Each structure stands twice: as C-alpha cells, then as structure tokens.
Amino acid sequence: MSPAEFALVAVYVGIAVALSLYGLHRYHLTWLFLKHRSDGATPHTPAAWPVVTVQLPLYNEPRVVTRAIDAVAALDYPADRLEVQILDDSTDGTTAMARAAVERWRKRGVDIRLIHRDNREGYKAGALAEGMERARGRFIAVFDADFLPQADFLTTLLPYFRDDVGMVQARWGHLNEHSSLLTRLQAVLLDGHFVIEHTARNRSGRWFNFNGTAGIWRREAIEDAGGWHHDTLTEDLDLSYRAQLAGWRFVFLPDVVVPAELPGDIAAFKTQQHRWAKGSVQTARKLLPTLLRAPLPLRVRVEAVAHLTANLAYPMVVLLTAITPLAVRIRGESVGRYLWFDLAFFGMAMVSMGVFYATSQWAAYPDWRRRALRIPAVLALGIGMSVSQSLAVFEALAGHLSPFVRTPKTGEIKKRRVLSRHLVLRPVAVAEMGFALYHAAALGWALGEGYYPSVPIQLLFAAGFATVGIRSMVRSAPDGAADAPAADVAAA
C-alpha cells in the first residue's frame, strides 16, 4: 500500500473499532436487561392522593387537540385534587378548538384551564415552566398532544413515588404502528429504547431519562434541578440528568403503556429524529463535564457517556459509507487476511443491533418472531438516516442554535389512503440517493471480484440510503391532508 492507501485503511479500521464499541455497549445493555428484568420497583398506596397538575403543551395541533384534551380531562382521579392545564402556544385554529373543549369539560366539573401565550419563548420548556408557576399540584404529569393516557394512569404511577423518587416514566405504545412500513420500523426502534435501554439502566442502578411525555414529575425535583431550561432541543433529557445529579431517583414502568402516534412519513420522522439527535449532543456538551467530575459510581458515568454521545456514531457511519468500497478495493487480493476483522466488525456493530431489537420484541410481544423479521429493514433505516442525523450532530457541536420544531401529527390511527404524490428535491435527499447509487455500484463490483465479506455491509448501505432517499424525495398527500409546514420538514 502507498502511504495514502494505508491512511485510508487505518481510518476505516479506526471507525469500525469505534462503532464496534457502541455495539459492545448494546450487548451490555441487553445483558443488563436480561439480568435485571424481574427487578422492579414496589408500589405503595398513599395515605391520601396528592394534588396533581396535568400539563398538555400544544402548538398548532388542530388534528389532535380535541382528542388529546378529552383524554387528559377524563383521567380517573379525585376531582378536588386534579388540575389540568392546556398550555397553548398556537397561532392557528388550534386555540379556538382547545377553548371549546376546555369549556365543555369545565361544565362537567373538571378543573381545567387554557393558558395561551402570544409568543413561543422557550418553546415547550417555556410553556411547561410558565404553567408550573401557576400550578397547584405537588406532582406534574406531562403529555404531548398525540398521547392518549388510560383513565387510571395517575393512580397507577403515583404509588411508585417514594421519598427519593423524582420522576416515574411509562412506556410508549403505538397507535398507528400498522399504518405503513415506516411506522412498523419506528415501533421496533422505540421498543428497543424503552423495553431494553430504560429497563436495563433503571433496574441496574444507572440513570435514564424522562421522555418528554407519559410521565409524572415530583414538583420538588424539577425545582431542585433548576427548573425547565430551553438551551437544548431536548429539555426532557437535560432536566432528567440535572435532577439525578441533584440526588433524585427515577422509576421506569415498562408494563404501563401509553399509546401515541408515530410520525406518518419520512419528513415528519426526520424532523423528530433531527431534534432528538441535536438535543442529545447539546445536552452532552452542557452536562458531561459536570457528570464526569461528580462523585458518582463509575457505572453511572460510563453509561451517561455512552447514552449522551450515542448520536456521534452517525457521522462515523457517513464516513464509513464513503470509504468502505475504497478500503475494500485497496486491500485487493489480501482481503482474506482481513476476513476476521470484517466478521468481528459485522458481529459487533450490526449483529448487536439485531440481538438488541430482537430481544425487545421477544420481551414485549407474543408474536415476536413475526415482528423480528422487520429488523434487517430497521438496520437499513438507521443507516439511511445517517446523513440527516450527522447534520444535527454537527450543528450541535458547532453551537448552532435552532428553534424547537414540533413533529407534525395527523391524528390518524389506521392505514392512510394516499391520493397524490409529488417530487421534492432537497440536498440531503440528493446526497442519500448518491450514497445509494455509490454502494449499489460497489456491491456489484464486490460480487464480481469475489470480495464477499464486504457484501452484507454494502447491501445494507445501498438499501438504507435508497429507501430513505426515495421516501424523502417522493412526498405523499393522504386523505387530502396538506403537507406539514415547510419549517417542520426543513431537516429533511
């Protein structure tokens, strides 16, 4: 090899090793889940039910606002100890719809009020903070507009609040899982996060986070942590780590499932994932120095680093995407000598994801074998999202500030009928298609030359980028619904 060729192969090996470490972490989380699966918190019936404030933040949600208000207002809890706040920052017809629903429930005796702001200062975090200033509850339950909590949600979660517990989180369910292939794949992704990650972290003594909705906070824990901040796009993750730094303990209840709407198309999915990726890196920049200096157990600090930096893998995937075919070509006839490394990398970085997600389906569903068939497509989707997610990571590392863009919602819970399609060209989608064509050509070349160890990676790359790129370019209009506002799909 020439020096340049050696450097390129060295970069390839370095990235593969780094991604393998994240794969090893997934294996570790899966092992922790299996080890601690039966270790759960024990509820205790309170002597008297405390006053609870339920907060429902809204921003331009006309398709789901009435349904959401009906769900939170119908919670089964002593009327004199329940307060419902509709925190509305909307600039469209959502406010009028919310006001009508609020008045309807007030007439039924529910303590519910609409708090409308004329500005979005602090975005969701700002709305939650302003609502808490007026709240009378010792406990604060938060739901996003697309969540439908069961009537017994409060009486199920509140018994887990012992003296040192600051937050109790329920698991997300999926209202529209079977709407499309994309929603089916998102369901697997979220199941891995909740069923495996949250359970493993919580029950093994590590830290996990509030997910912004479907959970209850002790008001004192929010105040001890310094309140809601809006200097990151993941105010929930930020507050979670600050509260745990302040000494509060969290509880996760995987058997309490609150159904919610999954993003219905790739544009909405990219909007959501861009915000989560950017916000997590912002939170890492903000809090990791403090976490690493804090007198915490090593296992807590190591897991916090792995958790908060997980999205740094996306730029590595993009770079790996660019250089893998070149590295394979440079190795040429000596490819057999690298077979052990390629197999180890595939086993650590890719197979670990399959084991991780298959375990989540096994633990959560009786028909897990059928659901596990989605996992190859899940892996391809993750690879295909790496370009747009890398942009989110780079923005966070560069300190680039951007507004909180909410995930567009449709209110649909069944498969949607597509009436029209149109082509939308965006630079990220063009780059995704470029990578798809690049790896399709590399796949053909590898097969022709007999470099078979690289075929699984090339195939996943080609399929993932093609799927995400095509879906990003071809937008669908279901049932006459308008596309999401341009600001909501800017990341796409």
Protein backbone atom coordinates (compact mmCIF):
# COMPACT_ATOMS: atom_id res chain seq x y z
CA MET A 1 0.00 0.00 0.00
CA SER A 2 1.01 3.57 -0.57
CA PRO A 3 1.02 5.91 2.46
CA ALA A 4 -2.30 7.40 1.33
CA GLU A 5 -3.86 3.96 0.93
CA PHE A 6 -2.55 2.86 4.30
CA ALA A 7 -4.03 6.01 5.91
CA LEU A 8 -7.43 5.35 4.35
CA VAL A 9 -7.47 1.74 5.55
CA ALA A 10 -6.35 2.93 9.01
CA VAL A 11 -9.28 5.36 9.13
CA TYR A 12 -11.62 2.55 8.10
CA VAL A 13 -10.28 0.32 10.85
CA GLY A 14 -10.50 3.11 13.44
CA ILE A 15 -14.13 3.87 12.61
CA ALA A 16 -15.00 0.18 12.62
CA VAL A 17 -13.45 -0.20 16.07
CA ALA A 18 -15.33 2.84 17.42
CA LEU A 19 -18.66 1.60 16.05
CA SER A 20 -17.90 -1.83 17.47
CA LEU A 21 -17.53 -0.28 20.92
CA TYR A 22 -21.05 1.14 20.62
CA GLY A 23 -22.12 -2.35 19.51
CA LEU A 24 -20.48 -3.85 22.58
CA HIS A 25 -22.47 -1.36 24.64
CA ARG A 26 -25.70 -2.64 23.07
CA TYR A 27 -24.74 -6.19 24.01
CA HIS A 28 -24.06 -4.98 27.54
CA LEU A 29 -27.45 -3.26 27.80
CA THR A 30 -29.16 -6.41 26.54
CA TRP A 31 -27.32 -8.47 29.16
CA LEU A 32 -28.28 -5.99 31.90
CA PHE A 33 -31.91 -6.16 30.76
CA LEU A 34 -31.96 -9.95 30.96
CA LYS A 35 -30.20 -9.93 34.32
CA HIS A 36 -32.48 -7.34 35.95
CA ARG A 37 -35.70 -7.94 34.04
CA SER A 38 -37.55 -9.19 37.11
CA ASP A 39 -36.19 -6.47 39.43
CA GLY A 40 -38.96 -3.92 39.64
CA ALA A 41 -39.96 -1.13 42.00
CA THR A 42 -42.66 -1.88 44.55
CA PRO A 43 -45.70 0.42 44.71
CA HIS A 44 -47.26 1.60 47.94
CA THR A 45 -50.72 3.06 48.35
CA PRO A 46 -50.51 6.66 49.55
CA ALA A 47 -52.40 7.62 52.68
CA ALA A 48 -54.09 10.35 50.66
CA TRP A 49 -53.96 11.08 46.97
CA PRO A 50 -51.85 14.22 46.35
CA VAL A 51 -52.84 17.17 44.20
CA VAL A 52 -51.72 16.59 40.62
CA THR A 53 -51.39 19.06 37.75
CA VAL A 54 -51.64 17.58 34.26
CA GLN A 55 -49.92 19.65 31.58
CA LEU A 56 -50.74 19.33 27.88
CA PRO A 57 -48.44 21.57 25.77
CA LEU A 58 -49.78 22.43 22.30
CA TYR A 59 -48.50 24.19 19.22
CA ASN A 60 -50.68 24.20 16.09
CA GLU A 61 -52.24 20.75 16.58
CA PRO A 62 -55.73 21.06 15.02
CA ARG A 63 -55.89 17.39 14.04
CA VAL A 64 -55.32 16.01 17.55
CA VAL A 65 -56.16 18.79 20.02
CA THR A 66 -59.72 17.75 20.86
CA ARG A 67 -58.80 14.09 21.23
CA ALA A 68 -55.86 14.97 23.47
CA ILE A 69 -57.87 17.24 25.76
CA ASP A 70 -60.62 14.64 26.07
CA ALA A 71 -58.06 12.04 27.12
CA VAL A 72 -56.39 14.07 29.88
CA ALA A 73 -59.66 15.55 31.16
CA ALA A 74 -61.13 12.05 31.53
CA LEU A 75 -58.38 10.80 33.86
CA ASP A 76 -59.90 8.94 36.81
CA TYR A 77 -58.71 10.88 39.85
CA PRO A 78 -60.37 12.75 42.76
CA ALA A 79 -61.81 15.89 41.18
CA ASP A 80 -60.72 18.18 44.01
CA ARG A 81 -57.09 17.06 43.60
CA LEU A 82 -56.80 17.19 39.83
CA GLU A 83 -55.85 20.26 37.80
CA VAL A 84 -55.48 20.22 34.01
CA GLN A 85 -53.50 22.89 32.16
CA ILE A 86 -53.73 23.24 28.39
CA LEU A 87 -50.52 25.11 27.55
CA ASP A 88 -51.26 26.53 24.13
CA ASP A 89 -48.74 28.45 22.02
CA SER A 90 -50.71 28.00 18.81
CA THR A 91 -51.02 30.57 16.04
CA ASP A 92 -53.77 28.80 14.06
CA GLY A 93 -57.24 27.46 14.72
CA THR A 94 -56.00 25.11 17.44
CA THR A 95 -56.67 27.70 20.14
CA ALA A 96 -60.37 28.01 19.31
CA MET A 97 -60.75 24.25 19.26
CA ALA A 98 -58.90 23.94 22.58
CA ARG A 99 -61.05 26.64 24.17
CA ALA A 100 -64.24 24.86 23.11
CA ALA A 101 -63.03 21.54 24.54
CA VAL A 102 -61.92 23.20 27.79
CA GLU A 103 -65.31 24.86 28.27
CA ARG A 104 -67.08 21.58 27.63
CA TRP A 105 -65.06 19.84 30.36
CA ARG A 106 -65.35 22.76 32.79
CA LYS A 107 -69.11 22.39 32.61
CA ARG A 108 -68.64 18.78 33.70
CA GLY A 109 -66.80 19.89 36.83
CA VAL A 110 -63.19 19.37 35.75
CA ASP A 111 -60.64 21.94 36.98
CA ILE A 112 -59.23 22.68 33.54
CA ARG A 113 -57.92 25.91 32.09
CA LEU A 114 -56.40 27.15 28.86
CA ILE A 115 -53.15 29.08 29.21
CA HIS A 116 -52.42 30.74 25.88
CA ARG A 117 -49.13 32.51 25.20
CA ASP A 118 -48.70 35.11 22.46
CA ASN A 119 -45.07 34.07 21.98
CA ARG A 120 -43.08 30.83 21.99
CA GLU A 121 -40.36 31.98 24.34
CA GLY A 122 -38.55 28.85 25.50
CA TYR A 123 -40.79 26.74 23.25
CA LYS A 124 -42.12 23.63 25.03
CA ALA A 125 -39.82 24.12 28.02
CA GLY A 126 -41.00 27.72 28.36
CA ALA A 127 -44.64 26.67 28.26
CA LEU A 128 -44.10 23.97 30.90
CA ALA A 129 -42.23 26.40 33.15
CA GLU A 130 -44.91 29.07 32.89
CA GLY A 131 -47.61 26.53 33.58
CA MET A 132 -45.78 25.24 36.66
CA GLU A 133 -45.65 28.78 38.09
CA ARG A 134 -49.46 28.73 38.16
CA ALA A 135 -49.88 25.06 39.04
CA ARG A 136 -51.20 23.93 42.42
CA GLY A 137 -50.08 20.31 42.14
CA ARG A 138 -47.24 18.68 44.10
CA PHE A 139 -46.89 16.35 41.15
CA ILE A 140 -46.79 17.30 37.47
CA ALA A 141 -47.89 14.89 34.74
CA VAL A 142 -46.93 15.78 31.17
CA PHE A 143 -48.45 14.52 27.90
CA ASP A 144 -47.74 15.51 24.33
CA ALA A 145 -50.70 16.15 22.06
CA ASP A 146 -50.55 12.76 20.33
CA PHE A 147 -50.65 10.66 23.52
CA LEU A 148 -53.79 9.02 24.87
CA PRO A 149 -53.31 8.01 28.53
CA GLN A 150 -55.57 5.42 30.10
CA ALA A 151 -58.04 6.66 32.71
CA ASP A 152 -56.10 5.02 35.55
CA PHE A 153 -52.71 6.48 34.55
CA LEU A 154 -52.32 8.71 37.62
CA THR A 155 -53.45 6.14 40.16
CA THR A 156 -51.13 3.58 38.58
CA LEU A 157 -47.96 5.69 38.60
CA LEU A 158 -48.30 7.74 41.79
CA PRO A 159 -47.86 4.75 44.17
CA TYR A 160 -44.25 4.46 42.96
CA PHE A 161 -43.27 7.85 44.38
CA ARG A 162 -41.31 7.08 47.49
CA ASP A 163 -39.47 9.91 49.25
CA ASP A 164 -36.44 9.96 46.95
CA VAL A 165 -38.27 9.35 43.66
CA GLY A 166 -38.43 12.43 41.46
CA MET A 167 -39.97 11.04 38.27
CA VAL A 168 -41.87 7.97 37.07
CA GLN A 169 -41.94 7.20 33.34
CA ALA A 170 -44.33 4.92 31.44
CA ARG A 171 -43.55 3.15 28.16
CA TRP A 172 -44.72 4.50 24.82
CA GLY A 173 -47.15 2.46 22.76
CA HIS A 174 -48.02 2.91 19.09
CA LEU A 175 -51.46 4.00 17.89
CA ASN A 176 -50.67 3.74 14.19
CA GLU A 177 -47.96 1.08 14.12
CA HIS A 178 -49.56 -0.75 11.21
CA SER A 179 -50.13 2.33 9.06
CA SER A 180 -47.04 1.74 6.89
CA LEU A 181 -43.67 0.03 6.75
CA LEU A 182 -42.09 3.18 8.18
CA THR A 183 -44.32 3.17 11.26
CA ARG A 184 -43.66 -0.55 11.79
CA LEU A 185 -39.92 0.10 11.78
CA GLN A 186 -40.26 3.08 14.13
CA ALA A 187 -42.16 0.87 16.57
CA VAL A 188 -39.19 -1.50 16.73
CA LEU A 189 -36.78 1.39 17.25
CA LEU A 190 -38.81 2.81 20.12
CA ASP A 191 -39.35 -0.62 21.67
CA GLY A 192 -35.58 -1.08 21.81
CA HIS A 193 -35.18 2.26 23.57
CA PHE A 194 -37.93 1.71 26.12
CA VAL A 195 -38.03 -2.04 26.70
CA ILE A 196 -34.27 -2.65 26.73
CA GLU A 197 -32.46 0.64 27.41
CA HIS A 198 -34.77 2.14 30.02
CA THR A 199 -35.32 -1.12 31.86
CA ALA A 200 -31.64 -2.05 31.85
CA ARG A 201 -30.47 1.36 33.02
CA ASN A 202 -33.12 1.87 35.66
CA ARG A 203 -33.02 -1.56 37.25
CA SER A 204 -29.22 -1.87 37.24
CA GLY A 205 -28.70 1.39 39.14
CA ARG A 206 -27.76 3.52 36.14
CA TRP A 207 -29.51 6.69 35.01
CA PHE A 208 -32.22 7.01 32.39
CA ASN A 209 -34.29 9.95 31.22
CA PHE A 210 -37.79 11.34 31.15
CA ASN A 211 -39.03 11.19 27.54
CA GLY A 212 -40.94 14.47 27.49
CA THR A 213 -44.35 12.85 27.87
CA ALA A 214 -46.23 9.97 29.54
CA GLY A 215 -44.54 10.55 32.87
CA ILE A 216 -45.06 12.25 36.22
CA TRP A 217 -42.60 14.56 37.98
CA ARG A 218 -42.40 15.47 41.63
CA ARG A 219 -42.50 19.26 41.56
CA GLU A 220 -39.71 19.50 44.13
CA ALA A 221 -37.39 17.50 41.85
CA ILE A 222 -37.93 19.95 38.98
CA GLU A 223 -37.21 22.89 41.29
CA ASP A 224 -34.12 21.25 42.83
CA ALA A 225 -32.74 20.68 39.34
CA GLY A 226 -33.12 24.36 38.44
CA GLY A 227 -36.38 24.11 36.52
CA TRP A 228 -37.02 23.71 32.82
CA HIS A 229 -34.24 25.02 30.56
CA HIS A 230 -34.58 25.74 26.86
CA ASP A 231 -30.91 25.95 25.85
CA THR A 232 -31.12 22.47 24.29
CA LEU A 233 -33.72 20.89 21.98
CA THR A 234 -34.19 18.02 24.45
CA GLU A 235 -35.37 19.82 27.55
CA ASP A 236 -36.58 16.49 28.96
CA LEU A 237 -33.15 14.84 28.72
CA ASP A 238 -31.44 17.92 30.14
CA LEU A 239 -33.77 18.15 33.15
CA SER A 240 -33.51 14.41 33.75
CA TYR A 241 -29.75 14.46 34.18
CA ARG A 242 -29.80 17.63 36.28
CA ALA A 243 -32.43 16.12 38.59
CA GLN A 244 -30.44 12.92 39.03
CA LEU A 245 -27.31 14.98 39.69
CA ALA A 246 -29.33 16.65 42.45
CA GLY A 247 -29.90 13.23 44.03
CA TRP A 248 -33.35 12.27 42.79
CA ARG A 249 -34.10 8.70 41.72
CA PHE A 250 -36.27 7.74 38.74
CA VAL A 251 -38.55 4.74 38.15
CA PHE A 252 -39.47 3.19 34.80
CA LEU A 253 -42.62 1.08 34.41
CA PRO A 254 -42.34 -0.98 31.22
CA ASP A 255 -45.72 -2.64 31.76
CA VAL A 256 -47.61 0.67 31.76
CA VAL A 257 -48.02 1.54 28.08
CA VAL A 258 -49.39 4.87 26.83
CA PRO A 259 -50.24 4.77 23.12
CA ALA A 260 -49.09 7.58 20.86
CA GLU A 261 -48.93 8.47 17.19
CA LEU A 262 -45.79 7.62 15.26
CA PRO A 263 -44.64 10.09 12.56
CA GLY A 264 -46.54 9.12 9.43
CA ASP A 265 -43.98 9.95 6.76
CA ILE A 266 -40.24 10.32 6.38
CA ALA A 267 -40.34 14.13 6.59
CA ALA A 268 -42.03 14.06 10.00
CA PHE A 269 -39.73 11.26 11.14
CA LYS A 270 -36.65 13.23 10.12
CA THR A 271 -37.95 16.30 11.92
CA GLN A 272 -38.34 14.31 15.13
CA GLN A 273 -35.03 12.48 14.86
CA HIS A 274 -33.10 15.63 13.95
CA ARG A 275 -34.39 17.35 17.09
CA TRP A 276 -33.59 14.37 19.31
CA ALA A 277 -30.08 13.89 17.89
CA LYS A 278 -29.16 17.55 18.06
CA GLY A 279 -30.61 17.96 21.53
CA SER A 280 -28.80 14.95 22.94
CA VAL A 281 -25.43 16.25 21.73
CA GLN A 282 -26.27 19.71 23.10
CA THR A 283 -27.05 18.08 26.45
CA ALA A 284 -23.79 16.14 26.32
CA ARG A 285 -21.83 19.37 25.76
CA LYS A 286 -23.70 21.04 28.58
CA LEU A 287 -23.65 18.35 31.26
CA LEU A 288 -20.95 15.75 30.60
CA PRO A 289 -18.15 17.82 32.21
CA THR A 290 -20.21 18.10 35.39
CA LEU A 291 -21.18 14.42 35.26
CA LEU A 292 -17.60 13.28 34.86
CA ARG A 293 -16.43 15.41 37.80
CA ALA A 294 -19.28 14.37 40.09
CA PRO A 295 -18.64 11.76 42.83
CA LEU A 296 -20.76 9.14 41.07
CA PRO A 297 -20.26 5.39 40.66
CA LEU A 298 -18.15 4.53 37.62
CA ARG A 299 -21.00 2.56 36.06
CA VAL A 300 -23.22 5.66 36.13
CA ARG A 301 -20.61 7.88 34.49
CA VAL A 302 -19.70 5.33 31.82
CA GLU A 303 -23.34 4.78 30.93
CA ALA A 304 -24.01 8.52 30.83
CA VAL A 305 -21.16 8.97 28.34
CA ALA A 306 -22.44 6.12 26.16
CA HIS A 307 -26.00 7.43 26.34
CA LEU A 308 -25.33 11.10 25.63
CA THR A 309 -22.76 10.52 22.89
CA ALA A 310 -24.59 7.73 21.05
CA ASN A 311 -25.54 10.01 18.15
CA LEU A 312 -21.86 10.67 17.41
CA ALA A 313 -21.98 7.31 15.66
CA TYR A 314 -23.89 8.87 12.75
CA PRO A 315 -21.00 10.93 11.33
CA MET A 316 -18.82 7.85 11.67
CA VAL A 317 -21.36 5.87 9.64
CA VAL A 318 -21.34 8.53 6.92
CA LEU A 319 -17.54 8.48 6.75
CA LEU A 320 -17.58 4.70 6.74
CA THR A 321 -20.12 4.88 3.92
CA ALA A 322 -17.71 6.94 1.84
CA ILE A 323 -14.55 4.92 2.39
CA THR A 324 -15.67 1.29 2.74
CA PRO A 325 -15.65 0.47 -1.00
CA LEU A 326 -12.28 2.19 -1.37
CA ALA A 327 -10.83 0.33 1.61
CA VAL A 328 -12.07 -2.98 0.21
CA ARG A 329 -10.54 -2.19 -3.18
CA ILE A 330 -7.19 -1.18 -1.68
CA ARG A 331 -6.94 -4.40 0.29
CA GLY A 332 -7.44 -6.24 -3.00
CA GLU A 333 -6.16 -9.77 -3.11
CA SER A 334 -5.26 -9.72 0.58
CA VAL A 335 -8.92 -9.37 1.55
CA GLY A 336 -8.85 -12.88 3.04
CA ARG A 337 -6.38 -11.75 5.68
CA TYR A 338 -8.91 -9.18 6.85
CA LEU A 339 -11.79 -11.62 6.97
CA TRP A 340 -11.58 -11.99 10.75
CA PHE A 341 -11.74 -8.23 11.19
CA ASP A 342 -14.72 -7.80 8.82
CA LEU A 343 -16.60 -10.59 10.56
CA ALA A 344 -15.81 -9.16 14.01
CA PHE A 345 -16.95 -5.70 12.93
CA PHE A 346 -20.18 -7.06 11.45
CA GLY A 347 -20.83 -9.08 14.59
CA MET A 348 -20.20 -6.19 16.97
CA ALA A 349 -21.70 -3.26 15.06
CA MET A 350 -24.53 -4.91 13.13
CA VAL A 351 -25.42 -8.21 14.79
CA SER A 352 -25.52 -6.43 18.17
CA MET A 353 -28.35 -4.28 16.85
CA GLY A 354 -30.21 -7.35 15.67
CA VAL A 355 -29.85 -9.01 19.07
CA PHE A 356 -30.84 -5.79 20.84
CA TYR A 357 -34.05 -5.25 18.86
CA ALA A 358 -34.97 -8.93 18.69
CA THR A 359 -34.76 -9.10 22.48
CA SER A 360 -37.09 -6.11 22.80
CA GLN A 361 -39.68 -7.80 20.58
CA TRP A 362 -39.33 -11.09 22.47
CA ALA A 363 -39.86 -9.33 25.80
CA ALA A 364 -42.82 -7.20 24.72
CA TYR A 365 -44.93 -9.22 22.27
CA PRO A 366 -46.22 -12.79 21.96
CA ASP A 367 -45.77 -12.63 18.16
CA TRP A 368 -42.15 -11.53 18.49
CA ARG A 369 -40.90 -13.90 15.79
CA ARG A 370 -43.00 -12.20 13.14
CA ARG A 371 -42.02 -8.77 14.39
CA ALA A 372 -38.33 -9.71 14.42
CA LEU A 373 -38.50 -10.10 10.63
CA ARG A 374 -38.52 -6.29 10.48
CA ILE A 375 -35.05 -5.98 11.98
CA PRO A 376 -32.98 -6.01 8.75
CA ALA A 377 -35.12 -3.15 7.47
CA VAL A 378 -34.66 -1.37 10.83
CA LEU A 379 -30.88 -1.57 10.39
CA ALA A 380 -31.15 -0.24 6.85
CA LEU A 381 -33.35 2.64 8.02
CA GLY A 382 -30.80 3.61 10.67
CA ILE A 383 -28.03 3.69 8.06
CA GLY A 384 -30.19 5.67 5.65
CA MET A 385 -30.88 8.30 8.32
CA SER A 386 -27.18 8.87 8.99
CA VAL A 387 -26.76 11.84 6.62
CA SER A 388 -29.56 13.95 8.11
CA GLN A 389 -28.63 12.86 11.64
CA SER A 390 -24.99 13.80 11.06
CA LEU A 391 -26.09 17.32 10.17
CA ALA A 392 -27.89 17.50 13.51
CA VAL A 393 -24.74 16.35 15.33
CA PHE A 394 -22.53 18.87 13.52
CA GLU A 395 -24.97 21.70 14.28
CA ALA A 396 -24.88 20.80 17.98
CA LEU A 397 -21.09 20.53 18.09
CA ALA A 398 -20.78 23.88 16.35
CA GLY A 399 -23.10 25.53 18.86
CA HIS A 400 -25.65 26.36 16.16
CA LEU A 401 -28.97 27.29 17.76
CA SER A 402 -32.27 26.47 16.09
CA PRO A 403 -35.94 26.70 17.07
CA PHE A 404 -37.85 23.80 18.57
CA VAL A 405 -39.69 22.27 15.61
CA ARG A 406 -42.53 20.03 16.71
CA THR A 407 -43.20 16.73 14.97
CA PRO A 408 -46.17 17.06 12.56
CA LYS A 409 -49.17 14.94 13.59
CA THR A 410 -52.13 13.73 11.57
CA GLY A 411 -54.45 12.19 14.15
CA GLU A 412 -54.66 9.04 12.02
CA ILE A 413 -54.58 5.63 13.72
CA LYS A 414 -55.26 3.45 10.68
CA LYS A 415 -53.59 2.91 7.32
CA ARG A 416 -53.96 6.07 5.27
CA ARG A 417 -55.15 6.23 1.68
CA VAL A 418 -52.66 8.12 -0.48
CA LEU A 419 -54.36 10.37 -3.01
CA SER A 420 -51.37 12.08 -4.58
CA ARG A 421 -47.60 12.06 -4.72
CA HIS A 422 -45.17 14.74 -5.73
CA LEU A 423 -41.43 15.07 -6.09
CA VAL A 424 -39.46 17.23 -3.65
CA LEU A 425 -35.72 17.65 -4.15
CA ARG A 426 -33.65 18.58 -1.12
CA PRO A 427 -29.86 18.49 -0.79
CA VAL A 428 -29.89 15.84 1.93
CA ALA A 429 -32.14 13.55 -0.09
CA VAL A 430 -29.91 14.00 -3.15
CA ALA A 431 -26.88 13.04 -1.03
CA GLU A 432 -28.73 9.98 0.26
CA MET A 433 -29.51 8.85 -3.28
CA GLY A 434 -25.90 9.50 -4.27
CA PHE A 435 -24.71 7.19 -1.49
CA ALA A 436 -27.29 4.59 -2.54
CA LEU A 437 -26.01 4.55 -6.13
CA TYR A 438 -22.40 4.54 -4.93
CA HIS A 439 -22.95 1.47 -2.79
CA ALA A 440 -25.07 -0.27 -5.41
CA ALA A 441 -22.13 0.04 -7.78
CA ALA A 442 -19.71 -1.08 -5.06
CA LEU A 443 -21.94 -4.06 -4.30
CA GLY A 444 -21.88 -5.15 -7.93
CA TRP A 445 -18.12 -4.74 -8.06
CA ALA A 446 -17.58 -6.73 -4.83
CA LEU A 447 -19.73 -9.58 -6.10
CA GLY A 448 -17.92 -9.58 -9.42
CA GLU A 449 -14.49 -9.61 -7.80
CA GLY A 450 -15.40 -12.13 -5.14
CA TYR A 451 -14.95 -9.80 -2.13
CA TYR A 452 -17.85 -11.44 -0.36
CA PRO A 453 -17.11 -10.37 3.26
CA SER A 454 -17.99 -6.79 2.32
CA VAL A 455 -21.30 -7.72 0.68
CA PRO A 456 -23.58 -7.55 3.80
CA ILE A 457 -22.36 -4.03 4.66
CA GLN A 458 -22.63 -2.82 1.06
CA LEU A 459 -26.12 -4.26 0.76
CA LEU A 460 -27.34 -2.60 3.96
CA PHE A 461 -25.85 0.74 2.92
CA ALA A 462 -27.36 0.62 -0.56
CA ALA A 463 -30.81 -0.44 0.69
CA GLY A 464 -30.86 2.04 3.57
CA PHE A 465 -29.86 5.12 1.62
CA ALA A 466 -32.12 4.21 -1.31
CA THR A 467 -35.14 3.74 0.95
CA VAL A 468 -34.68 6.98 2.89
CA GLY A 469 -33.63 8.97 -0.19
CA ILE A 470 -36.59 7.89 -2.30
CA ARG A 471 -39.08 8.43 0.51
CA SER A 472 -37.59 11.87 1.15
CA MET A 473 -37.98 12.86 -2.50
CA VAL A 474 -41.46 11.44 -3.04
CA ARG A 475 -43.96 13.07 -0.70
CA SER A 476 -47.47 11.72 -0.26
CA ALA A 477 -50.70 13.57 0.48
CA PRO A 478 -53.04 11.22 2.43
CA ASP A 479 -56.79 11.77 2.53
CA GLY A 480 -56.50 15.31 1.29
CA ALA A 481 -54.27 16.39 4.18
CA ALA A 482 -51.86 19.18 3.46
CA ASP A 483 -48.17 18.67 3.81
CA ALA A 484 -46.50 19.73 7.03
CA PRO A 485 -45.36 23.35 7.11
CA ALA A 486 -42.01 23.94 5.46
CA ALA A 487 -40.37 24.75 8.78
CA ASP A 488 -41.32 21.34 10.07
CA VAL A 489 -39.54 19.45 7.32
CA ALA A 490 -36.51 21.67 6.95
CA ALA A 491 -34.31 18.89 8.27
CA ALA A 492 -35.47 16.55 5.50
